[in-house]
Amino acid sequence: MACHALIHELHKRLSSDCLPVFTSDALPLYFYALSAHFGSWVDVLGRKRPQWQVAAGLIYGQVRKGLS
């Protein structure tokens, strides 16, 4: 939940056209928080309702420490 709150607060502070590069540890919750905040609803042919699409330019890398 803290990941989501952190990304939510960051998203509020950025300009609407800003799409920064993100890195984090291997905690999967960051991916879900980022994909929930950086994207838009798009109409998809053959579907009645719009579908959420993650921003194409979203760059997210995970640093995994201690793997050998």
PDB file of N, CA and C in Angstrom:
ATOM      1  N   MET A   1       0.815  -1.185   0.000  1.00  0.00           N
ATOM      2  CA  MET A   1       0.000   0.000   0.000  1.00  0.00           C
ATOM      3  C   MET A   1       0.866   1.259   0.000  1.00  0.00           C
ATOM      4  N   ALA A   2       2.018   1.216   0.654  1.00  0.00           N
ATOM      5  CA  ALA A   2       2.905   2.375   0.686  1.00  0.00           C
ATOM      6  C   ALA A   2       3.435   2.695  -0.712  1.00  0.00           C
ATOM      7  N   CYS A   3       3.672   1.668  -1.525  1.00  0.00           N
ATOM      8  CA  CYS A   3       4.133   1.887  -2.904  1.00  0.00           C
ATOM      9  C   CYS A   3       3.098   2.687  -3.683  1.00  0.00           C
ATOM     10  N   HIS A   4       1.851   2.281  -3.567  1.00  0.00           N
ATOM     11  CA  HIS A   4       0.773   2.954  -4.287  1.00  0.00           C
ATOM     12  C   HIS A   4       0.652   4.405  -3.820  1.00  0.00           C
ATOM     13  N   ALA A   5       0.720   4.643  -2.516  1.00  0.00           N
ATOM     14  CA  ALA A   5       0.617   5.998  -1.976  1.00  0.00           C
ATOM     15  C   ALA A   5       1.785   6.864  -2.452  1.00  0.00           C
ATOM     16  N   LEU A   6       2.985   6.300  -2.488  1.00  0.00           N
ATOM     17  CA  LEU A   6       4.161   7.039  -2.945  1.00  0.00           C
ATOM     18  C   LEU A   6       4.013   7.448  -4.408  1.00  0.00           C
ATOM     19  N   ILE A   7       3.643   6.510  -5.261  1.00  0.00           N
ATOM     20  CA  ILE A   7       3.494   6.810  -6.692  1.00  0.00           C
ATOM     21  C   ILE A   7       2.321   7.761  -6.917  1.00  0.00           C
ATOM     22  N   HIS A   8       1.257   7.618  -6.162  1.00  0.00           N
ATOM     23  CA  HIS A   8       0.108   8.522  -6.274  1.00  0.00           C
ATOM     24  C   HIS A   8       0.534   9.959  -5.955  1.00  0.00           C
ATOM     25  N   GLU A   9       1.270  10.142  -4.883  1.00  0.00           N
ATOM     26  CA  GLU A   9       1.736  11.481  -4.495  1.00  0.00           C
ATOM     27  C   GLU A   9       2.691  12.051  -5.537  1.00  0.00           C
ATOM     28  N   LEU A  10       3.584  11.229  -6.056  1.00  0.00           N
ATOM     29  CA  LEU A  10       4.504  11.667  -7.103  1.00  0.00           C
ATOM     30  C   LEU A  10       3.741  12.086  -8.350  1.00  0.00           C
ATOM     31  N   HIS A  11       2.788  11.291  -8.757  1.00  0.00           N
ATOM     32  CA  HIS A  11       1.998  11.582  -9.951  1.00  0.00           C
ATOM     33  C   HIS A  11       1.260  12.915  -9.818  1.00  0.00           C
ATOM     34  N   LYS A  12       0.742  13.202  -8.632  1.00  0.00           N
ATOM     35  CA  LYS A  12       0.041  14.473  -8.396  1.00  0.00           C
ATOM     36  C   LYS A  12       0.968  15.673  -8.556  1.00  0.00           C
ATOM     37  N   ARG A  13       2.243  15.504  -8.227  1.00  0.00           N
ATOM     38  CA  ARG A  13       3.193  16.616  -8.248  1.00  0.00           C
ATOM     39  C   ARG A  13       3.810  16.857  -9.622  1.00  0.00           C
ATOM     40  N   LEU A  14       3.742  15.887 -10.512  1.00  0.00           N
ATOM     41  CA  LEU A  14       4.322  16.020 -11.844  1.00  0.00           C
ATOM     42  C   LEU A  14       3.361  16.727 -12.788  1.00  0.00           C
ATOM     43  N   SER A  15       3.902  17.384 -13.809  1.00  0.00           N
ATOM     44  CA  SER A  15       3.028  17.963 -14.836  1.00  0.00           C
ATOM     45  C   SER A  15       2.389  16.819 -15.619  1.00  0.00           C
ATOM     46  N   SER A  16       1.262  17.093 -16.220  1.00  0.00           N
ATOM     47  CA  SER A  16       0.484  16.040 -16.881  1.00  0.00           C
ATOM     48  C   SER A  16       1.219  15.387 -18.053  1.00  0.00           C
ATOM     49  N   ASP A  17       2.165  16.096 -18.668  1.00  0.00           N
ATOM     50  CA  ASP A  17       2.883  15.522 -19.809  1.00  0.00           C
ATOM     51  C   ASP A  17       4.227  14.904 -19.416  1.00  0.00           C
ATOM     52  N   CYS A  18       4.525  14.843 -18.119  1.00  0.00           N
ATOM     53  CA  CYS A  18       5.795  14.293 -17.641  1.00  0.00           C
ATOM     54  C   CYS A  18       5.681  12.781 -17.448  1.00  0.00           C
ATOM     55  N   LEU A  19       6.632  12.055 -18.008  1.00  0.00           N
ATOM     56  CA  LEU A  19       6.685  10.603 -17.857  1.00  0.00           C
ATOM     57  C   LEU A  19       8.126  10.227 -17.491  1.00  0.00           C
ATOM     58  N   PRO A  20       8.453  10.254 -16.190  1.00  0.00           N
ATOM     59  CA  PRO A  20       9.833  10.010 -15.774  1.00  0.00           C
ATOM     60  C   PRO A  20      10.243   8.540 -15.901  1.00  0.00           C
ATOM     61  N   VAL A  21      11.539   8.301 -15.788  1.00  0.00           N
ATOM     62  CA  VAL A  21      12.093   6.956 -15.760  1.00  0.00           C
ATOM     63  C   VAL A  21      12.103   6.508 -14.304  1.00  0.00           C
ATOM     64  N   PHE A  22      11.668   5.273 -14.034  1.00  0.00           N
ATOM     65  CA  PHE A  22      11.590   4.758 -12.670  1.00  0.00           C
ATOM     66  C   PHE A  22      12.496   3.551 -12.499  1.00  0.00           C
ATOM     67  N   THR A  23      13.121   3.473 -11.329  1.00  0.00           N
ATOM     68  CA  THR A  23      13.837   2.267 -10.927  1.00  0.00           C
ATOM     69  C   THR A  23      13.445   1.955  -9.484  1.00  0.00           C
ATOM     70  N   SER A  24      13.464   0.692  -9.131  1.00  0.00           N
ATOM     71  CA  SER A  24      13.141   0.279  -7.765  1.00  0.00           C
ATOM     72  C   SER A  24      13.787  -1.065  -7.487  1.00  0.00           C
ATOM     73  N   ASP A  25      13.565  -1.531  -6.269  1.00  0.00           N
ATOM     74  CA  ASP A  25      14.000  -2.890  -5.953  1.00  0.00           C
ATOM     75  C   ASP A  25      13.015  -3.863  -6.608  1.00  0.00           C
ATOM     76  N   ALA A  26      13.119  -5.114  -6.329  1.00  0.00           N
ATOM     77  CA  ALA A  26      12.306  -6.120  -7.021  1.00  0.00           C
ATOM     78  C   ALA A  26      10.898  -6.295  -6.441  1.00  0.00           C
ATOM     79  N   LEU A  27      10.450  -5.383  -5.601  1.00  0.00           N
ATOM     80  CA  LEU A  27       9.107  -5.476  -5.036  1.00  0.00           C
ATOM     81  C   LEU A  27       8.065  -5.285  -6.145  1.00  0.00           C
ATOM     82  N   PRO A  28       7.245  -6.293  -6.444  1.00  0.00           N
ATOM     83  CA  PRO A  28       6.308  -6.209  -7.568  1.00  0.00           C
ATOM     84  C   PRO A  28       5.230  -5.137  -7.406  1.00  0.00           C
ATOM     85  N   LEU A  29       4.989  -4.671  -6.200  1.00  0.00           N
ATOM     86  CA  LEU A  29       3.943  -3.666  -5.998  1.00  0.00           C
ATOM     87  C   LEU A  29       4.237  -2.357  -6.723  1.00  0.00           C
ATOM     88  N   TYR A  30       5.519  -2.041  -6.935  1.00  0.00           N
ATOM     89  CA  TYR A  30       5.848  -0.822  -7.671  1.00  0.00           C
ATOM     90  C   TYR A  30       5.323  -0.893  -9.104  1.00  0.00           C
ATOM     91  N   PHE A  31       5.455  -2.033  -9.743  1.00  0.00           N
ATOM     92  CA  PHE A  31       4.953  -2.183 -11.110  1.00  0.00           C
ATOM     93  C   PHE A  31       3.457  -1.904 -11.168  1.00  0.00           C
ATOM     94  N   TYR A  32       2.710  -2.473 -10.247  1.00  0.00           N
ATOM     95  CA  TYR A  32       1.262  -2.281 -10.244  1.00  0.00           C
ATOM     96  C   TYR A  32       0.893  -0.826  -9.965  1.00  0.00           C
ATOM     97  N   ALA A  33       1.602  -0.179  -9.065  1.00  0.00           N
ATOM     98  CA  ALA A  33       1.334   1.231  -8.767  1.00  0.00           C
ATOM     99  C   ALA A  33       1.656   2.117  -9.967  1.00  0.00           C
ATOM    100  N   LEU A  34       2.783   1.858 -10.627  1.00  0.00           N
ATOM    101  CA  LEU A  34       3.160   2.655 -11.800  1.00  0.00           C
ATOM    102  C   LEU A  34       2.191   2.459 -12.951  1.00  0.00           C
ATOM    103  N   SER A  35       1.833   1.212 -13.219  1.00  0.00           N
ATOM    104  CA  SER A  35       0.936   0.956 -14.350  1.00  0.00           C
ATOM    105  C   SER A  35      -0.474   1.481 -14.076  1.00  0.00           C
ATOM    106  N   ALA A  36      -0.850   1.632 -12.808  1.00  0.00           N
ATOM    107  CA  ALA A  36      -2.165   2.184 -12.472  1.00  0.00           C
ATOM    108  C   ALA A  36      -2.207   3.700 -12.620  1.00  0.00           C
ATOM    109  N   HIS A  37      -1.071   4.362 -12.501  1.00  0.00           N
ATOM    110  CA  HIS A  37      -1.058   5.825 -12.527  1.00  0.00           C
ATOM    111  C   HIS A  37      -0.599   6.421 -13.856  1.00  0.00           C
ATOM    112  N   PHE A  38       0.182   5.704 -14.616  1.00  0.00           N
ATOM    113  CA  PHE A  38       0.725   6.251 -15.854  1.00  0.00           C
ATOM    114  C   PHE A  38       0.150   5.487 -17.039  1.00  0.00           C
ATOM    115  N   GLY A  39      -0.929   5.998 -17.565  1.00  0.00           N
ATOM    116  CA  GLY A  39      -1.629   5.386 -18.684  1.00  0.00           C
ATOM    117  C   GLY A  39      -2.900   6.151 -18.967  1.00  0.00           C
ATOM    118  N   SER A  40      -3.756   5.568 -19.788  1.00  0.00           N
ATOM    119  CA  SER A  40      -5.013   6.227 -20.129  1.00  0.00           C
ATOM    120  C   SER A  40      -6.027   5.191 -20.606  1.00  0.00           C
ATOM    121  N   TRP A  41      -7.271   5.605 -20.588  1.00  0.00           N
ATOM    122  CA  TRP A  41      -8.345   4.754 -21.098  1.00  0.00           C
ATOM    123  C   TRP A  41      -8.413   4.917 -22.608  1.00  0.00           C
ATOM    124  N   VAL A  42      -8.466   3.811 -23.338  1.00  0.00           N
ATOM    125  CA  VAL A  42      -8.539   3.854 -24.804  1.00  0.00           C
ATOM    126  C   VAL A  42      -9.716   3.001 -25.274  1.00  0.00           C
ATOM    127  N   ASP A  43     -10.317   3.433 -26.369  1.00  0.00           N
ATOM    128  CA  ASP A  43     -11.378   2.650 -26.993  1.00  0.00           C
ATOM    129  C   ASP A  43     -10.741   1.557 -27.839  1.00  0.00           C
ATOM    130  N   VAL A  44     -11.208   0.340 -27.654  1.00  0.00           N
ATOM    131  CA  VAL A  44     -10.684  -0.809 -28.388  1.00  0.00           C
ATOM    132  C   VAL A  44     -11.784  -1.338 -29.290  1.00  0.00           C
ATOM    133  N   LEU A  45     -11.444  -1.542 -30.548  1.00  0.00           N
ATOM    134  CA  LEU A  45     -12.402  -2.047 -31.526  1.00  0.00           C
ATOM    135  C   LEU A  45     -12.989  -3.378 -31.051  1.00  0.00           C
ATOM    136  N   GLY A  46     -14.292  -3.496 -31.055  1.00  0.00           N
ATOM    137  CA  GLY A  46     -14.952  -4.729 -30.662  1.00  0.00           C
ATOM    138  C   GLY A  46     -15.276  -4.820 -29.179  1.00  0.00           C
ATOM    139  N   ARG A  47     -14.890  -3.820 -28.406  1.00  0.00           N
ATOM    140  CA  ARG A  47     -15.195  -3.826 -26.970  1.00  0.00           C
ATOM    141  C   ARG A  47     -16.179  -2.706 -26.666  1.00  0.00           C
ATOM    142  N   LYS A  48     -17.095  -2.974 -25.760  1.00  0.00           N
ATOM    143  CA  LYS A  48     -18.110  -1.979 -25.411  1.00  0.00           C
ATOM    144  C   LYS A  48     -17.548  -0.880 -24.515  1.00  0.00           C
ATOM    145  N   ARG A  49     -16.607  -1.246 -23.671  1.00  0.00           N
ATOM    146  CA  ARG A  49     -16.054  -0.280 -22.722  1.00  0.00           C
ATOM    147  C   ARG A  49     -14.587  -0.006 -23.027  1.00  0.00           C
ATOM    148  N   PRO A  50     -14.116   1.187 -22.660  1.00  0.00           N
ATOM    149  CA  PRO A  50     -12.682   1.479 -22.848  1.00  0.00           C
ATOM    150  C   PRO A  50     -11.819   0.539 -22.003  1.00  0.00           C
ATOM    151  N   GLN A  51     -10.577   0.410 -22.398  1.00  0.00           N
ATOM    152  CA  GLN A  51      -9.628  -0.458 -21.707  1.00  0.00           C
ATOM    153  C   GLN A  51      -8.437   0.388 -21.252  1.00  0.00           C
ATOM    154  N   TRP A  52      -7.941   0.120 -20.038  1.00  0.00           N
ATOM    155  CA  TRP A  52      -6.782   0.853 -19.530  1.00  0.00           C
ATOM    156  C   TRP A  52      -5.527   0.390 -20.250  1.00  0.00           C
ATOM    157  N   GLN A  53      -4.750   1.359 -20.728  1.00  0.00           N
ATOM    158  CA  GLN A  53      -3.505   1.035 -21.422  1.00  0.00           C
ATOM    159  C   GLN A  53      -2.368   1.796 -20.748  1.00  0.00           C
ATOM    160  N   VAL A  54      -1.340   1.077 -20.344  1.00  0.00           N
ATOM    161  CA  VAL A  54      -0.173   1.688 -19.724  1.00  0.00           C
ATOM    162  C   VAL A  54       0.517   2.567 -20.759  1.00  0.00           C
ATOM    163  N   ALA A  55       1.027   3.714 -20.323  1.00  0.00           N
ATOM    164  CA  ALA A  55       1.703   4.645 -21.226  1.00  0.00           C
ATOM    165  C   ALA A  55       2.840   3.947 -21.965  1.00  0.00           C
ATOM    166  N   ALA A  56       2.867   4.113 -23.281  1.00  0.00           N
ATOM    167  CA  ALA A  56       3.864   3.432 -24.110  1.00  0.00           C
ATOM    168  C   ALA A  56       5.290   3.841 -23.748  1.00  0.00           C
ATOM    169  N   GLY A  57       5.475   5.050 -23.277  1.00  0.00           N
ATOM    170  CA  GLY A  57       6.816   5.534 -22.965  1.00  0.00           C
ATOM    171  C   GLY A  57       7.265   5.278 -21.541  1.00  0.00           C
ATOM    172  N   LEU A  58       6.472   4.549 -20.767  1.00  0.00           N
ATOM    173  CA  LEU A  58       6.844   4.281 -19.379  1.00  0.00           C
ATOM    174  C   LEU A  58       8.061   3.361 -19.339  1.00  0.00           C
ATOM    175  N   ILE A  59       9.122   3.833 -18.710  1.00  0.00           N
ATOM    176  CA  ILE A  59      10.345   3.041 -18.583  1.00  0.00           C
ATOM    177  C   ILE A  59      10.534   2.733 -17.101  1.00  0.00           C
ATOM    178  N   TYR A  60      10.591   1.456 -16.794  1.00  0.00           N
ATOM    179  CA  TYR A  60      10.713   1.011 -15.414  1.00  0.00           C
ATOM    180  C   TYR A  60      11.714  -0.127 -15.337  1.00  0.00           C
ATOM    181  N   GLY A  61      12.719   0.051 -14.499  1.00  0.00           N
ATOM    182  CA  GLY A  61      13.720  -0.992 -14.308  1.00  0.00           C
ATOM    183  C   GLY A  61      13.785  -1.420 -12.861  1.00  0.00           C
ATOM    184  N   GLN A  62      14.051  -2.690 -12.648  1.00  0.00           N
ATOM    185  CA  GLN A  62      14.187  -3.220 -11.300  1.00  0.00           C
ATOM    186  C   GLN A  62      15.636  -3.613 -11.055  1.00  0.00           C
ATOM    187  N   VAL A  63      16.143  -3.234  -9.897  1.00  0.00           N
ATOM    188  CA  VAL A  63      17.497  -3.604  -9.491  1.00  0.00           C
ATOM    189  C   VAL A  63      17.371  -4.779  -8.529  1.00  0.00           C
ATOM    190  N   ARG A  64      17.980  -5.881  -8.898  1.00  0.00           N
ATOM    191  CA  ARG A  64      17.956  -7.073  -8.039  1.00  0.00           C
ATOM    192  C   ARG A  64      19.352  -7.263  -7.462  1.00  0.00           C
ATOM    193  N   LYS A  65      19.444  -7.091  -6.164  1.00  0.00           N
ATOM    194  CA  LYS A  65      20.737  -7.196  -5.489  1.00  0.00           C
ATOM    195  C   LYS A  65      20.929  -8.612  -4.932  1.00  0.00           C
ATOM    196  N   GLY A  66      22.169  -9.026  -4.876  1.00  0.00           N
ATOM    197  CA  GLY A  66      22.501 -10.280  -4.222  1.00  0.00           C
ATOM    198  C   GLY A  66      22.266 -11.532  -5.046  1.00  0.00           C
ATOM    199  N   LEU A  67      21.930 -11.398  -6.313  1.00  0.00           N
ATOM    200  CA  LEU A  67      21.751 -12.591  -7.150  1.00  0.00           C
ATOM    201  C   LEU A  67      23.098 -12.968  -7.761  1.00  0.00           C
ATOM    202  N   SER A  68      23.390 -14.235  -7.741  1.00  0.00           N
ATOM    203  CA  SER A  68      24.638 -14.669  -8.392  1.00  0.00           C
ATOM    204  C   SER A  68      24.420 -15.902  -9.212  1.00  0.00           C
TER     205      SER A  68
END
